[in-house]
Amino acid sequence: MNTYFKFVIEAIVKRMSRSPEEKQMLKQQKAERKQPVLVSLFGMVPFSLGLMFKKRRK
């Protein structure tokens, strides 16, 4: 239990000591990694079908 609290406190201190530039950079990296909603909810099949239908419309 003691090691867990130590880990949590170290993580909190590390997070609070980040500079604003570093926070912004991490936020941008997270946004780039984010998947589309359809993929996260239903997988790649609906996403690929949607792309296929969009290509046919154009």
PDB file of N, CA and C in Angstrom:
ATOM      1  N   MET A   1       0.829  -1.188   0.000  1.00  0.00           N
ATOM      2  CA  MET A   1       0.000   0.000   0.000  1.00  0.00           C
ATOM      3  C   MET A   1       0.875   1.255   0.000  1.00  0.00           C
ATOM      4  N   ASN A   2       1.950   1.226   0.743  1.00  0.00           N
ATOM      5  CA  ASN A   2       2.831   2.381   0.842  1.00  0.00           C
ATOM      6  C   ASN A   2       3.469   2.698  -0.514  1.00  0.00           C
ATOM      7  N   THR A   3       3.859   1.669  -1.268  1.00  0.00           N
ATOM      8  CA  THR A   3       4.477   1.912  -2.573  1.00  0.00           C
ATOM      9  C   THR A   3       3.466   2.495  -3.559  1.00  0.00           C
ATOM     10  N   TYR A   4       2.211   2.104  -3.415  1.00  0.00           N
ATOM     11  CA  TYR A   4       1.169   2.648  -4.289  1.00  0.00           C
ATOM     12  C   TYR A   4       0.999   4.146  -4.055  1.00  0.00           C
ATOM     13  N   PHE A   5       0.919   4.556  -2.795  1.00  0.00           N
ATOM     14  CA  PHE A   5       0.778   5.984  -2.484  1.00  0.00           C
ATOM     15  C   PHE A   5       1.994   6.763  -2.966  1.00  0.00           C
ATOM     16  N   LYS A   6       3.161   6.173  -2.834  1.00  0.00           N
ATOM     17  CA  LYS A   6       4.378   6.819  -3.305  1.00  0.00           C
ATOM     18  C   LYS A   6       4.306   7.029  -4.821  1.00  0.00           C
ATOM     19  N   PHE A   7       3.862   6.009  -5.532  1.00  0.00           N
ATOM     20  CA  PHE A   7       3.723   6.103  -6.986  1.00  0.00           C
ATOM     21  C   PHE A   7       2.723   7.192  -7.377  1.00  0.00           C
ATOM     22  N   VAL A   8       1.572   7.224  -6.707  1.00  0.00           N
ATOM     23  CA  VAL A   8       0.529   8.205  -7.023  1.00  0.00           C
ATOM     24  C   VAL A   8       1.026   9.620  -6.758  1.00  0.00           C
ATOM     25  N   ILE A   9       1.666   9.834  -5.644  1.00  0.00           N
ATOM     26  CA  ILE A   9       2.166  11.170  -5.304  1.00  0.00           C
ATOM     27  C   ILE A   9       3.241  11.610  -6.287  1.00  0.00           C
ATOM     28  N   GLU A  10       4.142  10.697  -6.668  1.00  0.00           N
ATOM     29  CA  GLU A  10       5.172  11.042  -7.650  1.00  0.00           C
ATOM     30  C   GLU A  10       4.547  11.403  -8.997  1.00  0.00           C
ATOM     31  N   ALA A  11       3.512  10.672  -9.396  1.00  0.00           N
ATOM     32  CA  ALA A  11       2.845  10.966 -10.667  1.00  0.00           C
ATOM     33  C   ALA A  11       2.175  12.337 -10.624  1.00  0.00           C
ATOM     34  N   ILE A  12       1.547  12.662  -9.511  1.00  0.00           N
ATOM     35  CA  ILE A  12       0.879  13.962  -9.369  1.00  0.00           C
ATOM     36  C   ILE A  12       1.895  15.092  -9.401  1.00  0.00           C
ATOM     37  N   VAL A  13       2.983  14.938  -8.678  1.00  0.00           N
ATOM     38  CA  VAL A  13       4.020  15.979  -8.646  1.00  0.00           C
ATOM     39  C   VAL A  13       4.629  16.153 -10.029  1.00  0.00           C
ATOM     40  N   LYS A  14       4.875  15.049 -10.716  1.00  0.00           N
ATOM     41  CA  LYS A  14       5.454  15.111 -12.056  1.00  0.00           C
ATOM     42  C   LYS A  14       4.510  15.830 -13.021  1.00  0.00           C
ATOM     43  N   ARG A  15       3.221  15.553 -12.893  1.00  0.00           N
ATOM     44  CA  ARG A  15       2.233  16.185 -13.771  1.00  0.00           C
ATOM     45  C   ARG A  15       2.098  17.676 -13.477  1.00  0.00           C
ATOM     46  N   MET A  16       2.144  18.051 -12.218  1.00  0.00           N
ATOM     47  CA  MET A  16       1.984  19.457 -11.843  1.00  0.00           C
ATOM     48  C   MET A  16       3.218  20.288 -12.171  1.00  0.00           C
ATOM     49  N   SER A  17       4.377  19.652 -12.290  1.00  0.00           N
ATOM     50  CA  SER A  17       5.601  20.404 -12.532  1.00  0.00           C
ATOM     51  C   SER A  17       5.892  20.606 -14.020  1.00  0.00           C
ATOM     52  N   ARG A  18       4.992  20.206 -14.894  1.00  0.00           N
ATOM     53  CA  ARG A  18       5.192  20.405 -16.331  1.00  0.00           C
ATOM     54  C   ARG A  18       5.033  21.875 -16.695  1.00  0.00           C
ATOM     55  N   SER A  19       5.819  22.299 -17.664  1.00  0.00           N
ATOM     56  CA  SER A  19       5.713  23.674 -18.142  1.00  0.00           C
ATOM     57  C   SER A  19       4.502  23.793 -19.071  1.00  0.00           C
ATOM     58  N   PRO A  20       3.989  24.998 -19.265  1.00  0.00           N
ATOM     59  CA  PRO A  20       2.834  25.171 -20.166  1.00  0.00           C
ATOM     60  C   PRO A  20       3.124  24.707 -21.598  1.00  0.00           C
ATOM     61  N   GLU A  21       4.355  24.904 -22.069  1.00  0.00           N
ATOM     62  CA  GLU A  21       4.709  24.465 -23.418  1.00  0.00           C
ATOM     63  C   GLU A  21       4.660  22.944 -23.522  1.00  0.00           C
ATOM     64  N   GLU A  22       5.153  22.281 -22.478  1.00  0.00           N
ATOM     65  CA  GLU A  22       5.145  20.817 -22.471  1.00  0.00           C
ATOM     66  C   GLU A  22       3.713  20.283 -22.411  1.00  0.00           C
ATOM     67  N   LYS A  23       2.860  20.952 -21.634  1.00  0.00           N
ATOM     68  CA  LYS A  23       1.453  20.548 -21.561  1.00  0.00           C
ATOM     69  C   LYS A  23       0.788  20.676 -22.928  1.00  0.00           C
ATOM     70  N   GLN A  24       1.049  21.777 -23.623  1.00  0.00           N
ATOM     71  CA  GLN A  24       0.464  22.007 -24.942  1.00  0.00           C
ATOM     72  C   GLN A  24       0.955  20.962 -25.941  1.00  0.00           C
ATOM     73  N   MET A  25       2.246  20.642 -25.886  1.00  0.00           N
ATOM     74  CA  MET A  25       2.810  19.653 -26.798  1.00  0.00           C
ATOM     75  C   MET A  25       2.179  18.274 -26.563  1.00  0.00           C
ATOM     76  N   LEU A  26       2.022  17.877 -25.306  1.00  0.00           N
ATOM     77  CA  LEU A  26       1.411  16.590 -24.987  1.00  0.00           C
ATOM     78  C   LEU A  26      -0.055  16.548 -25.413  1.00  0.00           C
ATOM     79  N   LYS A  27      -0.741  17.671 -25.285  1.00  0.00           N
ATOM     80  CA  LYS A  27      -2.144  17.748 -25.699  1.00  0.00           C
ATOM     81  C   LYS A  27      -2.270  17.571 -27.213  1.00  0.00           C
ATOM     82  N   GLN A  28      -1.363  18.180 -27.968  1.00  0.00           N
ATOM     83  CA  GLN A  28      -1.380  18.040 -29.421  1.00  0.00           C
ATOM     84  C   GLN A  28      -1.073  16.605 -29.836  1.00  0.00           C
ATOM     85  N   GLN A  29      -0.111  15.977 -29.165  1.00  0.00           N
ATOM     86  CA  GLN A  29       0.234  14.593 -29.478  1.00  0.00           C
ATOM     87  C   GLN A  29      -0.942  13.666 -29.195  1.00  0.00           C
ATOM     88  N   LYS A  30      -1.652  13.922 -28.123  1.00  0.00           N
ATOM     89  CA  LYS A  30      -2.813  13.099 -27.782  1.00  0.00           C
ATOM     90  C   LYS A  30      -3.907  13.257 -28.835  1.00  0.00           C
ATOM     91  N   ALA A  31      -4.119  14.476 -29.310  1.00  0.00           N
ATOM     92  CA  ALA A  31      -5.139  14.721 -30.326  1.00  0.00           C
ATOM     93  C   ALA A  31      -4.783  14.026 -31.640  1.00  0.00           C
ATOM     94  N   GLU A  32      -3.502  13.949 -31.966  1.00  0.00           N
ATOM     95  CA  GLU A  32      -3.076  13.284 -33.197  1.00  0.00           C
ATOM     96  C   GLU A  32      -3.279  11.775 -33.116  1.00  0.00           C
ATOM     97  N   ARG A  33      -3.152  11.200 -31.940  1.00  0.00           N
ATOM     98  CA  ARG A  33      -3.304   9.753 -31.759  1.00  0.00           C
ATOM     99  C   ARG A  33      -4.759   9.323 -31.694  1.00  0.00           C
ATOM    100  N   LYS A  34      -5.655  10.247 -31.480  1.00  0.00           N
ATOM    101  CA  LYS A  34      -7.060   9.915 -31.255  1.00  0.00           C
ATOM    102  C   LYS A  34      -7.701   9.329 -32.514  1.00  0.00           C
ATOM    103  N   GLN A  35      -8.466   8.246 -32.343  1.00  0.00           N
ATOM    104  CA  GLN A  35      -9.149   7.591 -33.448  1.00  0.00           C
ATOM    105  C   GLN A  35     -10.506   8.246 -33.686  1.00  0.00           C
ATOM    106  N   PRO A  36     -11.032   8.107 -34.891  1.00  0.00           N
ATOM    107  CA  PRO A  36     -12.397   8.586 -35.136  1.00  0.00           C
ATOM    108  C   PRO A  36     -13.401   7.832 -34.264  1.00  0.00           C
ATOM    109  N   VAL A  37     -14.525   8.462 -33.987  1.00  0.00           N
ATOM    110  CA  VAL A  37     -15.530   7.888 -33.085  1.00  0.00           C
ATOM    111  C   VAL A  37     -16.082   6.579 -33.632  1.00  0.00           C
ATOM    112  N   LEU A  38     -16.335   6.525 -34.931  1.00  0.00           N
ATOM    113  CA  LEU A  38     -16.877   5.291 -35.511  1.00  0.00           C
ATOM    114  C   LEU A  38     -15.937   4.111 -35.309  1.00  0.00           C
ATOM    115  N   VAL A  39     -14.649   4.348 -35.423  1.00  0.00           N
ATOM    116  CA  VAL A  39     -13.683   3.262 -35.260  1.00  0.00           C
ATOM    117  C   VAL A  39     -13.672   2.778 -33.819  1.00  0.00           C
ATOM    118  N   SER A  40     -13.691   3.692 -32.881  1.00  0.00           N
ATOM    119  CA  SER A  40     -13.621   3.281 -31.481  1.00  0.00           C
ATOM    120  C   SER A  40     -14.901   2.591 -31.020  1.00  0.00           C
ATOM    121  N   LEU A  41     -16.042   2.955 -31.595  1.00  0.00           N
ATOM    122  CA  LEU A  41     -17.300   2.340 -31.175  1.00  0.00           C
ATOM    123  C   LEU A  41     -17.586   1.024 -31.883  1.00  0.00           C
ATOM    124  N   PHE A  42     -17.348   0.971 -33.189  1.00  0.00           N
ATOM    125  CA  PHE A  42     -17.795  -0.182 -33.971  1.00  0.00           C
ATOM    126  C   PHE A  42     -16.689  -0.905 -34.724  1.00  0.00           C
ATOM    127  N   GLY A  43     -15.475  -0.432 -34.695  1.00  0.00           N
ATOM    128  CA  GLY A  43     -14.393  -1.096 -35.417  1.00  0.00           C
ATOM    129  C   GLY A  43     -14.174  -0.493 -36.797  1.00  0.00           C
ATOM    130  N   MET A  44     -13.371  -1.165 -37.581  1.00  0.00           N
ATOM    131  CA  MET A  44     -12.975  -0.649 -38.892  1.00  0.00           C
ATOM    132  C   MET A  44     -14.014  -0.894 -39.985  1.00  0.00           C
ATOM    133  N   VAL A  45     -14.898  -1.846 -39.827  1.00  0.00           N
ATOM    134  CA  VAL A  45     -15.843  -2.186 -40.897  1.00  0.00           C
ATOM    135  C   VAL A  45     -16.765  -1.011 -41.234  1.00  0.00           C
ATOM    136  N   PRO A  46     -17.479  -0.400 -40.281  1.00  0.00           N
ATOM    137  CA  PRO A  46     -18.330   0.740 -40.645  1.00  0.00           C
ATOM    138  C   PRO A  46     -17.531   1.923 -41.192  1.00  0.00           C
ATOM    139  N   PHE A  47     -16.341   2.117 -40.658  1.00  0.00           N
ATOM    140  CA  PHE A  47     -15.497   3.214 -41.127  1.00  0.00           C
ATOM    141  C   PHE A  47     -15.115   2.998 -42.591  1.00  0.00           C
ATOM    142  N   SER A  48     -14.714   1.777 -42.943  1.00  0.00           N
ATOM    143  CA  SER A  48     -14.321   1.492 -44.325  1.00  0.00           C
ATOM    144  C   SER A  48     -15.522   1.560 -45.264  1.00  0.00           C
ATOM    145  N   LEU A  49     -16.689   1.109 -44.799  1.00  0.00           N
ATOM    146  CA  LEU A  49     -17.895   1.222 -45.624  1.00  0.00           C
ATOM    147  C   LEU A  49     -18.249   2.688 -45.873  1.00  0.00           C
ATOM    148  N   GLY A  50     -18.098   3.512 -44.859  1.00  0.00           N
ATOM    149  CA  GLY A  50     -18.357   4.941 -45.021  1.00  0.00           C
ATOM    150  C   GLY A  50     -17.424   5.576 -46.027  1.00  0.00           C
ATOM    151  N   LEU A  51     -16.149   5.212 -45.987  1.00  0.00           N
ATOM    152  CA  LEU A  51     -15.201   5.744 -46.967  1.00  0.00           C
ATOM    153  C   LEU A  51     -15.555   5.284 -48.376  1.00  0.00           C
ATOM    154  N   MET A  52     -15.985   4.033 -48.501  1.00  0.00           N
ATOM    155  CA  MET A  52     -16.342   3.497 -49.807  1.00  0.00           C
ATOM    156  C   MET A  52     -17.528   4.270 -50.396  1.00  0.00           C
ATOM    157  N   PHE A  53     -18.544   4.548 -49.579  1.00  0.00           N
ATOM    158  CA  PHE A  53     -19.708   5.276 -50.068  1.00  0.00           C
ATOM    159  C   PHE A  53     -19.371   6.731 -50.383  1.00  0.00           C
ATOM    160  N   LYS A  54     -18.468   7.329 -49.624  1.00  0.00           N
ATOM    161  CA  LYS A  54     -18.066   8.708 -49.912  1.00  0.00           C
ATOM    162  C   LYS A  54     -17.356   8.793 -51.259  1.00  0.00           C
ATOM    163  N   LYS A  55     -16.525   7.784 -51.576  1.00  0.00           N
ATOM    164  CA  LYS A  55     -15.823   7.780 -52.863  1.00  0.00           C
ATOM    165  C   LYS A  55     -16.804   7.642 -54.019  1.00  0.00           C
ATOM    166  N   ARG A  56     -17.850   6.851 -53.839  1.00  0.00           N
ATOM    167  CA  ARG A  56     -18.840   6.657 -54.903  1.00  0.00           C
ATOM    168  C   ARG A  56     -19.631   7.934 -55.168  1.00  0.00           C
ATOM    169  N   ARG A  57     -19.893   8.726 -54.141  1.00  0.00           N
ATOM    170  CA  ARG A  57     -20.665   9.963 -54.305  1.00  0.00           C
ATOM    171  C   ARG A  57     -19.897  10.990 -55.119  1.00  0.00           C
ATOM    172  N   LYS A  58     -18.600  11.014 -54.966  1.00  0.00           N
ATOM    173  CA  LYS A  58     -17.779  12.017 -55.664  1.00  0.00           C
ATOM    174  C   LYS A  58     -17.543  11.600 -57.058  1.00  0.00           C
TER     175      LYS A  58
END
